PDB file of N, CA and C in Angstrom:
ATOM      1  N   UNK A   1      36.617-110.275-111.044  1.00  0.00           N
ATOM      2  CA  UNK A   1      36.623-110.527-110.976  1.00  0.00           C
ATOM      3  C   UNK A   1      37.008-111.411-109.216  1.00  0.00           C
ATOM      4  N   UNK A   2      35.943-112.488-108.130  1.00  0.00           N
ATOM      5  CA  UNK A   2      36.611-112.188-106.792  1.00  0.00           C
ATOM      6  C   UNK A   2      36.171-111.358-105.770  1.00  0.00           C
ATOM      7  N   UNK A   3      34.632-111.335-106.206  1.00  0.00           N
ATOM      8  CA  UNK A   3      34.028-110.408-105.202  1.00  0.00           C
ATOM      9  C   UNK A   3      33.248-111.337-104.359  1.00  0.00           C
ATOM     10  N   UNK A   4      33.481-112.762-104.635  1.00  0.00           N
ATOM     11  CA  UNK A   4      32.530-113.411-103.637  1.00  0.00           C
ATOM     12  C   UNK A   4      33.469-113.946-102.511  1.00  0.00           C
ATOM     13  N   UNK A   5      34.962-114.059-102.935  1.00  0.00           N
ATOM     14  CA  UNK A   5      36.137-113.767-101.506  1.00  0.00           C
ATOM     15  C   UNK A   5      36.113-112.949-101.148  1.00  0.00           C
ATOM     16  N   UNK A   6      36.208-111.809-101.545  1.00  0.00           N
ATOM     17  CA  UNK A   6      36.845-110.582-100.843  1.00  0.00           C
ATOM     18  C   UNK A   6      35.175-110.387 -99.984  1.00  0.00           C
ATOM     19  N   UNK A   7      33.829-110.232-100.180  1.00  0.00           N
ATOM     20  CA  UNK A   7      33.023-109.911 -99.217  1.00  0.00           C
ATOM     21  C   UNK A   7      32.880-111.276 -97.623  1.00  0.00           C
ATOM     22  N   UNK A   8      32.667-112.287 -98.262  1.00  0.00           N
ATOM     23  CA  UNK A   8      34.082-113.364 -97.360  1.00  0.00           C
ATOM     24  C   UNK A   8      34.806-113.273 -96.919  1.00  0.00           C
ATOM     25  N   UNK A   9      35.458-112.373 -96.818  1.00  0.00           N
ATOM     26  CA  UNK A   9      37.186-111.976 -95.782  1.00  0.00           C
ATOM     27  C   UNK A   9      36.543-111.023 -95.572  1.00  0.00           C
ATOM     28  N   UNK A  10      35.336-109.410 -96.177  1.00  0.00           N
ATOM     29  CA  UNK A  10      35.293-108.752 -95.323  1.00  0.00           C
ATOM     30  C   UNK A  10      33.986-109.752 -94.178  1.00  0.00           C
ATOM     31  N   UNK A  11      33.530-110.556 -94.262  1.00  0.00           N
ATOM     32  CA  UNK A  11      32.390-111.127 -93.187  1.00  0.00           C
ATOM     33  C   UNK A  11      33.268-111.899 -92.161  1.00  0.00           C
ATOM     34  N   UNK A  12      34.009-112.470 -92.819  1.00  0.00           N
ATOM     35  CA  UNK A  12      35.435-113.513 -92.024  1.00  0.00           C
ATOM     36  C   UNK A  12      35.910-112.718 -90.778  1.00  0.00           C
ATOM     37  N   UNK A  13      36.465-111.650 -91.679  1.00  0.00           N
ATOM     38  CA  UNK A  13      37.417-111.072 -90.395  1.00  0.00           C
ATOM     39  C   UNK A  13      35.896-109.750 -90.027  1.00  0.00           C
ATOM     40  N   UNK A  14      35.044-109.838 -89.882  1.00  0.00           N
ATOM     41  CA  UNK A  14      34.050-108.427 -88.739  1.00  0.00           C
ATOM     42  C   UNK A  14      33.547-110.190 -87.716  1.00  0.00           C
ATOM     43  N   UNK A  15      33.435-111.325 -88.127  1.00  0.00           N
ATOM     44  CA  UNK A  15      33.719-111.997 -87.108  1.00  0.00           C
ATOM     45  C   UNK A  15      34.619-112.704 -86.385  1.00  0.00           C
ATOM     46  N   UNK A  16      35.935-112.252 -86.845  1.00  0.00           N
ATOM     47  CA  UNK A  16      37.090-112.627 -86.045  1.00  0.00           C
ATOM     48  C   UNK A  16      36.992-111.034 -84.612  1.00  0.00           C
ATOM     49  N   UNK A  17      36.539-109.782 -85.248  1.00  0.00           N
ATOM     50  CA  UNK A  17      37.017-109.042 -84.280  1.00  0.00           C
ATOM     51  C   UNK A  17      35.629-109.355 -82.756  1.00  0.00           C
ATOM     52  N   UNK A  18      34.785-110.286 -83.001  1.00  0.00           N
ATOM     53  CA  UNK A  18      34.115-111.110 -82.372  1.00  0.00           C
ATOM     54  C   UNK A  18      34.682-111.844 -81.294  1.00  0.00           C
ATOM     55  N   UNK A  19      35.930-112.356 -81.491  1.00  0.00           N
ATOM     56  CA  UNK A  19      35.984-113.371 -81.102  1.00  0.00           C
ATOM     57  C   UNK A  19      37.246-113.006 -79.847  1.00  0.00           C
ATOM     58  N   UNK A  20      37.725-113.456 -79.113  1.00  0.00           N
ATOM     59  CA  UNK A  20      38.046-113.377 -77.677  1.00  0.00           C
ATOM     60  C   UNK A  20      39.610-114.586 -78.130  1.00  0.00           C
ATOM     61  N   UNK A  21      40.282-114.056 -77.154  1.00  0.00           N
ATOM     62  CA  UNK A  21      41.432-115.404 -77.473  1.00  0.00           C
ATOM     63  C   UNK A  21      41.981-115.136 -78.743  1.00  0.00           C
ATOM     64  N   UNK A  22      43.759-116.268 -78.184  1.00  0.00           N
ATOM     65  CA  UNK A  22      43.816-116.682 -79.446  1.00  0.00           C
ATOM     66  C   UNK A  22      43.387-117.543 -81.076  1.00  0.00           C
ATOM     67  N   UNK A  23      41.718-117.608 -81.088  1.00  0.00           N
ATOM     68  CA  UNK A  23      41.859-118.528 -81.848  1.00  0.00           C
ATOM     69  C   UNK A  23      41.146-117.022 -83.203  1.00  0.00           C
ATOM     70  N   UNK A  24      41.466-115.766 -82.556  1.00  0.00           N
ATOM     71  CA  UNK A  24      40.488-114.637 -83.798  1.00  0.00           C
ATOM     72  C   UNK A  24      42.098-114.569 -84.856  1.00  0.00           C
ATOM     73  N   UNK A  25      43.211-115.043 -84.612  1.00  0.00           N
ATOM     74  CA  UNK A  25      44.272-115.194 -85.023  1.00  0.00           C
ATOM     75  C   UNK A  25      44.135-116.581 -86.570  1.00  0.00           C
ATOM     76  N   UNK A  26      43.520-117.268 -85.996  1.00  0.00           N
ATOM     77  CA  UNK A  26      43.255-118.659 -86.697  1.00  0.00           C
ATOM     78  C   UNK A  26      42.264-117.865 -88.020  1.00  0.00           C
ATOM     79  N   UNK A  27      41.106-117.436 -87.369  1.00  0.00           N
ATOM     80  CA  UNK A  27      39.807-116.600 -88.032  1.00  0.00           C
ATOM     81  C   UNK A  27      40.248-115.916 -88.439  1.00  0.00           C
ATOM     82  N   UNK A  28      41.155-114.745 -88.801  1.00  0.00           N
ATOM     83  CA  UNK A  28      42.000-113.110 -89.405  1.00  0.00           C
ATOM     84  C   UNK A  28      43.150-114.167 -90.742  1.00  0.00           C
ATOM     85  N   UNK A  29      43.526-115.454 -90.526  1.00  0.00           N
ATOM     86  CA  UNK A  29      44.257-115.863 -91.729  1.00  0.00           C
ATOM     87  C   UNK A  29      43.500-116.521 -92.559  1.00  0.00           C
ATOM     88  N   UNK A  30      42.170-116.785 -92.402  1.00  0.00           N
ATOM     89  CA  UNK A  30      41.566-117.692 -93.186  1.00  0.00           C
ATOM     90  C   UNK A  30      40.634-116.784 -93.680  1.00  0.00           C
ATOM     91  N   UNK A  31      40.911-115.385 -93.518  1.00  0.00           N
ATOM     92  CA  UNK A  31      39.490-114.411 -93.959  1.00  0.00           C
ATOM     93  C   UNK A  31      41.486-113.960 -94.874  1.00  0.00           C
ATOM     94  N   UNK A  32      42.687-113.387 -93.777  1.00  0.00           N
ATOM     95  CA  UNK A  32      43.490-113.396 -95.278  1.00  0.00           C
ATOM     96  C   UNK A  32      43.477-114.407 -96.603  1.00  0.00           C
ATOM     97  N   UNK A  33      43.488-115.463 -96.812  1.00  0.00           N
ATOM     98  CA  UNK A  33      43.481-116.352 -97.252  1.00  0.00           C
ATOM     99  C   UNK A  33      42.550-116.549 -98.262  1.00  0.00           C
ATOM    100  N   UNK A  34      41.297-115.658 -97.669  1.00  0.00           N
ATOM    101  CA  UNK A  34      40.398-115.949 -99.030  1.00  0.00           C
ATOM    102  C   UNK A  34      40.822-114.470-100.257  1.00  0.00           C
ATOM    103  N   UNK A  35      41.888-113.824 -99.360  1.00  0.00           N
ATOM    104  CA  UNK A  35      41.942-112.750-100.368  1.00  0.00           C
ATOM    105  C   UNK A  35      43.171-112.796-101.640  1.00  0.00           C
ATOM    106  N   UNK A  36      43.187-114.126-101.266  1.00  0.00           N
ATOM    107  CA  UNK A  36      44.113-115.089-102.508  1.00  0.00           C
ATOM    108  C   UNK A  36      44.096-114.721-104.057  1.00  0.00           C
ATOM    109  N   UNK A  37      43.012-115.802-103.481  1.00  0.00           N
ATOM    110  CA  UNK A  37      41.944-115.557-105.298  1.00  0.00           C
ATOM    111  C   UNK A  37      41.625-114.183-106.001  1.00  0.00           C
ATOM    112  N   UNK A  38      41.589-113.208-105.217  1.00  0.00           N
ATOM    113  CA  UNK A  38      41.557-111.545-105.657  1.00  0.00           C
ATOM    114  C   UNK A  38      43.005-110.540-106.465  1.00  0.00           C
ATOM    115  N   UNK A  39      44.107-111.598-105.025  1.00  0.00           N
ATOM    116  CA  UNK A  39      44.494-110.817-105.247  1.00  0.00           C
ATOM    117  C   UNK A  39      45.371-111.841-106.703  1.00  0.00           C
ATOM    118  N   UNK A  40      45.391-112.719-107.144  1.00  0.00           N
ATOM    119  CA  UNK A  40      46.289-113.178-108.277  1.00  0.00           C
ATOM    120  C   UNK A  40      45.517-112.599-109.631  1.00  0.00           C
ATOM    121  N   UNK A  41      43.980-112.660-109.284  1.00  0.00           N
ATOM    122  CA  UNK A  41      43.080-112.123-110.612  1.00  0.00           C
ATOM    123  C   UNK A  41      43.709-110.694-110.552  1.00  0.00           C
ATOM    124  N   UNK A  42      44.007-109.760-109.943  1.00  0.00           N
ATOM    125  CA  UNK A  42      44.488-108.730-110.579  1.00  0.00           C
ATOM    126  C   UNK A  42      45.786-108.465-110.819  1.00  0.00           C
ATOM    127  N   UNK A  43      46.795-109.442-110.047  1.00  0.00           N
ATOM    128  CA  UNK A  43      48.259-109.177-110.908  1.00  0.00           C
ATOM    129  C   UNK A  43      48.218-109.994-111.793  1.00  0.00           C
ATOM    130  N   UNK A  44      47.012-111.036-112.215  1.00  0.00           N
ATOM    131  CA  UNK A  44      47.326-111.580-113.977  1.00  0.00           C
ATOM    132  C   UNK A  44      46.645-111.097-114.736  1.00  0.00           C
ATOM    133  N   UNK A  45      45.358-109.700-114.157  1.00  0.00           N
ATOM    134  CA  UNK A  45      45.644-108.560-115.277  1.00  0.00           C
ATOM    135  C   UNK A  45      46.185-107.343-115.250  1.00  0.00           C
ATOM    136  N   UNK A  46      47.555-107.429-114.959  1.00  0.00           N
ATOM    137  CA  UNK A  46      48.435-106.200-114.632  1.00  0.00           C
ATOM    138  C   UNK A  46      48.388-105.179-113.732  1.00  0.00           C
ATOM    139  N   UNK A  47      47.288-105.733-113.032  1.00  0.00           N
ATOM    140  CA  UNK A  47      47.052-104.750-111.672  1.00  0.00           C
ATOM    141  C   UNK A  47      47.831-104.610-110.597  1.00  0.00           C
ATOM    142  N   UNK A  48      47.561-104.112-109.902  1.00  0.00           N
ATOM    143  CA  UNK A  48      48.222-103.891-108.523  1.00  0.00           C
ATOM    144  C   UNK A  48      47.222-104.304-107.255  1.00  0.00           C
ATOM    145  N   UNK A  49      48.109-105.593-107.581  1.00  0.00           N
ATOM    146  CA  UNK A  49      47.556-106.892-106.636  1.00  0.00           C
ATOM    147  C   UNK A  49      46.966-106.070-105.417  1.00  0.00           C
ATOM    148  N   UNK A  50      47.611-105.686-103.869  1.00  0.00           N
ATOM    149  CA  UNK A  50      47.243-104.474-102.894  1.00  0.00           C
ATOM    150  C   UNK A  50      46.256-103.373-103.038  1.00  0.00           C
ATOM    151  N   UNK A  51      46.650-102.952-103.914  1.00  0.00           N
ATOM    152  CA  UNK A  51      45.674-101.078-103.780  1.00  0.00           C
ATOM    153  C   UNK A  51      44.448-102.330-104.613  1.00  0.00           C
ATOM    154  N   UNK A  52      44.188-102.899-105.611  1.00  0.00           N
ATOM    155  CA  UNK A  52      42.781-103.369-105.927  1.00  0.00           C
ATOM    156  C   UNK A  52      42.051-104.012-105.019  1.00  0.00           C
ATOM    157  N   UNK A  53      42.458-104.386-104.531  1.00  0.00           N
ATOM    158  CA  UNK A  53      42.272-105.528-103.625  1.00  0.00           C
ATOM    159  C   UNK A  53      41.772-104.871-102.254  1.00  0.00           C
ATOM    160  N   UNK A  54      42.719-103.884-101.758  1.00  0.00           N
ATOM    161  CA  UNK A  54      42.632-103.025-100.678  1.00  0.00           C
ATOM    162  C   UNK A  54      41.104-102.356-101.282  1.00  0.00           C
ATOM    163  N   UNK A  55      40.670-101.419-102.372  1.00  0.00           N
ATOM    164  CA  UNK A  55      40.509-100.263-102.772  1.00  0.00           C
ATOM    165  C   UNK A  55      38.841-101.318-103.214  1.00  0.00           C
ATOM    166  N   UNK A  56      38.531-102.418-103.381  1.00  0.00           N
ATOM    167  CA  UNK A  56      37.785-102.885-103.874  1.00  0.00           C
ATOM    168  C   UNK A  56      36.701-103.158-102.425  1.00  0.00           C
ATOM    169  N   UNK A  57      37.775-104.187-101.822  1.00  0.00           N
ATOM    170  CA  UNK A  57      37.103-104.033 -99.757  1.00  0.00           C
ATOM    171  C   UNK A  57      36.716-102.869 -99.372  1.00  0.00           C
ATOM    172  N   UNK A  58      36.818-101.818 -99.657  1.00  0.00           N
ATOM    173  CA  UNK A  58      36.916-100.280 -99.315  1.00  0.00           C
ATOM    174  C   UNK A  58      35.319-100.185-100.049  1.00  0.00           C
ATOM    175  N   UNK A  59      35.266-100.400-101.197  1.00  0.00           N
ATOM    176  CA  UNK A  59      34.176-100.342-101.914  1.00  0.00           C
ATOM    177  C   UNK A  59      33.320-100.736-101.546  1.00  0.00           C
ATOM    178  N   UNK A  60      32.966-101.380-100.925  1.00  0.00           N
ATOM    179  CA  UNK A  60      32.187-102.695-100.838  1.00  0.00           C
ATOM    180  C   UNK A  60      31.261-102.366 -99.533  1.00  0.00           C
ATOM    181  N   UNK A  61      32.331-102.517 -98.742  1.00  0.00           N
ATOM    182  CA  UNK A  61      31.574-101.346 -97.420  1.00  0.00           C
ATOM    183  C   UNK A  61      31.073-100.424 -97.691  1.00  0.00           C
ATOM    184  N   UNK A  62      31.918 -99.305 -98.065  1.00  0.00           N
ATOM    185  CA  UNK A  62      30.680 -98.313 -98.016  1.00  0.00           C
ATOM    186  C   UNK A  62      30.016 -98.598 -99.014  1.00  0.00           C
ATOM    187  N   UNK A  63      29.630 -98.875 -99.921  1.00  0.00           N
ATOM    188  CA  UNK A  63      28.621 -98.674-101.144  1.00  0.00           C
ATOM    189  C   UNK A  63      27.563 -99.779-100.721  1.00  0.00           C
ATOM    190  N   UNK A  64      28.294-100.610-100.196  1.00  0.00           N
ATOM    191  CA  UNK A  64      27.326-101.826 -99.470  1.00  0.00           C
ATOM    192  C   UNK A  64      26.714-102.816-100.669  1.00  0.00           C
ATOM    193  N   UNK A  65      27.755-103.350-101.479  1.00  0.00           N
ATOM    194  CA  UNK A  65      27.712-104.224-102.667  1.00  0.00           C
ATOM    195  C   UNK A  65      28.616-104.971-102.790  1.00  0.00           C
ATOM    196  N   UNK A  66      28.216-106.134-102.130  1.00  0.00           N
ATOM    197  CA  UNK A  66      29.195-107.352-102.340  1.00  0.00           C
ATOM    198  C   UNK A  66      29.511-107.768-103.794  1.00  0.00           C
ATOM    199  N   UNK A  67      29.007-107.354-105.122  1.00  0.00           N
ATOM    200  CA  UNK A  67      28.941-107.142-106.120  1.00  0.00           C
ATOM    201  C   UNK A  67      30.613-106.958-106.755  1.00  0.00           C
ATOM    202  N   UNK A  68      31.797-106.152-105.579  1.00  0.00           N
ATOM    203  CA  UNK A  68      32.735-105.157-106.834  1.00  0.00           C
ATOM    204  C   UNK A  68      34.011-106.087-106.327  1.00  0.00           C
ATOM    205  N   UNK A  69      34.138-106.230-107.213  1.00  0.00           N
ATOM    206  CA  UNK A  69      35.535-107.410-107.372  1.00  0.00           C
ATOM    207  C   UNK A  69      36.572-106.655-108.430  1.00  0.00           C
ATOM    208  N   UNK A  70      37.707-107.679-108.893  1.00  0.00           N
ATOM    209  CA  UNK A  70      38.479-106.797-109.925  1.00  0.00           C
ATOM    210  C   UNK A  70      37.995-106.891-111.112  1.00  0.00           C
ATOM    211  N   UNK A  71      38.462-105.908-111.819  1.00  0.00           N
ATOM    212  CA  UNK A  71      38.286-105.542-113.203  1.00  0.00           C
ATOM    213  C   UNK A  71      39.013-106.309-113.617  1.00  0.00           C
ATOM    214  N   UNK A  72      38.693-106.856-114.607  1.00  0.00           N
ATOM    215  CA  UNK A  72      39.981-108.175-115.054  1.00  0.00           C
ATOM    216  C   UNK A  72      40.269-107.212-116.734  1.00  0.00           C
ATOM    217  N   UNK A  73      38.787-107.106-116.983  1.00  0.00           N
ATOM    218  CA  UNK A  73      38.871-106.394-118.212  1.00  0.00           C
ATOM    219  C   UNK A  73      38.940-104.831-118.227  1.00  0.00           C
ATOM    220  N   UNK A  74      39.150-104.380-117.332  1.00  0.00           N
ATOM    221  CA  UNK A  74      39.559-103.143-117.577  1.00  0.00           C
ATOM    222  C   UNK A  74      38.190-102.413-118.511  1.00  0.00           C
ATOM    223  N   UNK A  75      36.791-102.861-118.011  1.00  0.00           N
ATOM    224  CA  UNK A  75      36.049-101.823-118.897  1.00  0.00           C
ATOM    225  C   UNK A  75      35.445-100.829-117.943  1.00  0.00           C
ATOM    226  N   UNK A  76      36.011-100.844-116.713  1.00  0.00           N
ATOM    227  CA  UNK A  76      35.507 -99.520-115.948  1.00  0.00           C
ATOM    228  C   UNK A  76      35.483 -99.571-115.569  1.00  0.00           C
ATOM    229  N   UNK A  77      34.123-101.033-114.708  1.00  0.00           N
ATOM    230  CA  UNK A  77      33.287-101.185-113.470  1.00  0.00           C
ATOM    231  C   UNK A  77      33.791-102.222-112.836  1.00  0.00           C
ATOM    232  N   UNK A  78      33.478-102.235-111.337  1.00  0.00           N
ATOM    233  CA  UNK A  78      34.169-103.429-111.079  1.00  0.00           C
ATOM    234  C   UNK A  78      32.869-104.007-110.446  1.00  0.00           C
ATOM    235  N   UNK A  79      31.642-104.190-110.913  1.00  0.00           N
ATOM    236  CA  UNK A  79      30.706-104.400-110.557  1.00  0.00           C
ATOM    237  C   UNK A  79      30.336-105.547-111.221  1.00  0.00           C
ATOM    238  N   UNK A  80      30.115-107.028-111.037  1.00  0.00           N
ATOM    239  CA  UNK A  80      31.022-108.178-112.107  1.00  0.00           C
ATOM    240  C   UNK A  80      29.779-108.237-112.261  1.00  0.00           C
ATOM    241  N   UNK A  81      28.006-107.733-112.125  1.00  0.00           N
ATOM    242  CA  UNK A  81      27.176-108.370-112.641  1.00  0.00           C
ATOM    243  C   UNK A  81      27.302-107.253-114.419  1.00  0.00           C
ATOM    244  N   UNK A  82      27.858-106.376-114.404  1.00  0.00           N
ATOM    245  CA  UNK A  82      28.504-105.461-115.677  1.00  0.00           C
ATOM    246  C   UNK A  82      29.361-106.451-116.090  1.00  0.00           C
ATOM    247  N   UNK A  83      30.185-106.970-115.475  1.00  0.00           N
ATOM    248  CA  UNK A  83      30.709-108.205-115.960  1.00  0.00           C
ATOM    249  C   UNK A  83      30.026-109.190-117.262  1.00  0.00           C
ATOM    250  N   UNK A  84      29.411-109.262-116.574  1.00  0.00           N
ATOM    251  CA  UNK A  84      28.248-110.883-116.720  1.00  0.00           C
ATOM    252  C   UNK A  84      29.470-112.055-115.875  1.00  0.00           C
ATOM    253  N   UNK A  85      29.618-111.750-114.593  1.00  0.00           N
ATOM    254  CA  UNK A  85      29.553-112.623-114.501  1.00  0.00           C
ATOM    255  C   UNK A  85      29.563-113.068-112.945  1.00  0.00           C
ATOM    256  N   UNK A  86      29.051-114.587-113.384  1.00  0.00           N
ATOM    257  CA  UNK A  86      27.605-114.944-111.931  1.00  0.00           C
ATOM    258  C   UNK A  86      28.548-116.456-111.283  1.00  0.00           C
ATOM    259  N   UNK A  87      28.365-116.824-110.507  1.00  0.00           N
ATOM    260  CA  UNK A  87      28.804-118.006-109.927  1.00  0.00           C
ATOM    261  C   UNK A  87      27.049-118.486-109.208  1.00  0.00           C
ATOM    262  N   UNK A  88      26.952-119.961-109.351  1.00  0.00           N
ATOM    263  CA  UNK A  88      26.363-120.487-108.607  1.00  0.00           C
ATOM    264  C   UNK A  88      26.494-120.250-106.815  1.00  0.00           C
ATOM    265  N   UNK A  89      25.335-120.559-105.879  1.00  0.00           N
ATOM    266  CA  UNK A  89      25.855-120.496-104.663  1.00  0.00           C
ATOM    267  C   UNK A  89      26.034-121.699-104.328  1.00  0.00           C
ATOM    268  N   UNK A  90      25.675-122.892-104.887  1.00  0.00           N
ATOM    269  CA  UNK A  90      26.329-124.214-104.706  1.00  0.00           C
ATOM    270  C   UNK A  90      27.829-124.641-104.865  1.00  0.00           C
ATOM    271  N   UNK A  91      27.406-123.460-106.416  1.00  0.00           N
ATOM    272  CA  UNK A  91      29.213-124.198-106.478  1.00  0.00           C
ATOM    273  C   UNK A  91      30.550-123.481-105.909  1.00  0.00           C
ATOM    274  N   UNK A  92      29.899-121.885-105.197  1.00  0.00           N
ATOM    275  CA  UNK A  92      31.041-121.150-104.023  1.00  0.00           C
ATOM    276  C   UNK A  92      30.982-122.304-103.209  1.00  0.00           C
ATOM    277  N   UNK A  93      29.676-122.744-102.397  1.00  0.00           N
ATOM    278  CA  UNK A  93      30.050-123.473-101.992  1.00  0.00           C
ATOM    279  C   UNK A  93      30.205-124.639-101.470  1.00  0.00           C
ATOM    280  N   UNK A  94      30.445-125.320-102.260  1.00  0.00           N
ATOM    281  CA  UNK A  94      31.361-126.577-102.734  1.00  0.00           C
ATOM    282  C   UNK A  94      32.550-126.280-102.646  1.00  0.00           C
ATOM    283  N   UNK A  95      32.938-125.153-103.278  1.00  0.00           N
ATOM    284  CA  UNK A  95      34.736-124.566-103.392  1.00  0.00           C
ATOM    285  C   UNK A  95      35.183-124.820-102.287  1.00  0.00           C
ATOM    286  N   UNK A  96      34.510-123.879-101.076  1.00  0.00           N
ATOM    287  CA  UNK A  96      34.718-123.374 -99.867  1.00  0.00           C
ATOM    288  C   UNK A  96      34.741-124.629 -99.139  1.00  0.00           C
ATOM    289  N   UNK A  97      34.155-125.434 -99.342  1.00  0.00           N
ATOM    290  CA  UNK A  97      34.166-126.553 -98.194  1.00  0.00           C
ATOM    291  C   UNK A  97      35.135-127.240 -98.911  1.00  0.00           C
ATOM    292  N   UNK A  98      35.427-127.717-100.153  1.00  0.00           N
ATOM    293  CA  UNK A  98      36.467-128.787-100.651  1.00  0.00           C
ATOM    294  C   UNK A  98      38.095-127.699-100.279  1.00  0.00           C
ATOM    295  N   UNK A  99      38.427-126.981-100.337  1.00  0.00           N
ATOM    296  CA  UNK A  99      39.308-126.037-100.014  1.00  0.00           C
ATOM    297  C   UNK A  99      39.494-125.602 -98.636  1.00  0.00           C
ATOM    298  N   UNK A 100      38.535-126.194 -97.763  1.00  0.00           N
ATOM    299  CA  UNK A 100      38.579-125.823 -96.299  1.00  0.00           C
ATOM    300  C   UNK A 100      38.707-127.123 -95.585  1.00  0.00           C
ATOM    301  N   UNK A 101      38.766-129.001 -96.215  1.00  0.00           N
ATOM    302  CA  UNK A 101      38.753-129.978 -95.284  1.00  0.00           C
ATOM    303  C   UNK A 101      40.105-130.875 -95.097  1.00  0.00           C
TER     304      UNK A 101
END
């Protein structure tokens, strides 16, 4: 899980690169906060959170695949489609809006 959050984190970080001045630090902090969910999932699955999330971020960028997340069930795939993990867009939008109010 956590593929949407990792993908959002990468997009927000890329946006921060375009923002001049001190505002970019607040934007980067938000990107870092988005990583908390996949880090918690990795830790709860008995995986190394930093190693797992770093690997997923690198693979999402290299493979251009936003479905890659934490393999909590350890089935050998990080593609959440293989895990049958799906979230609706409206649900994810509501979660982010509530979290950032």
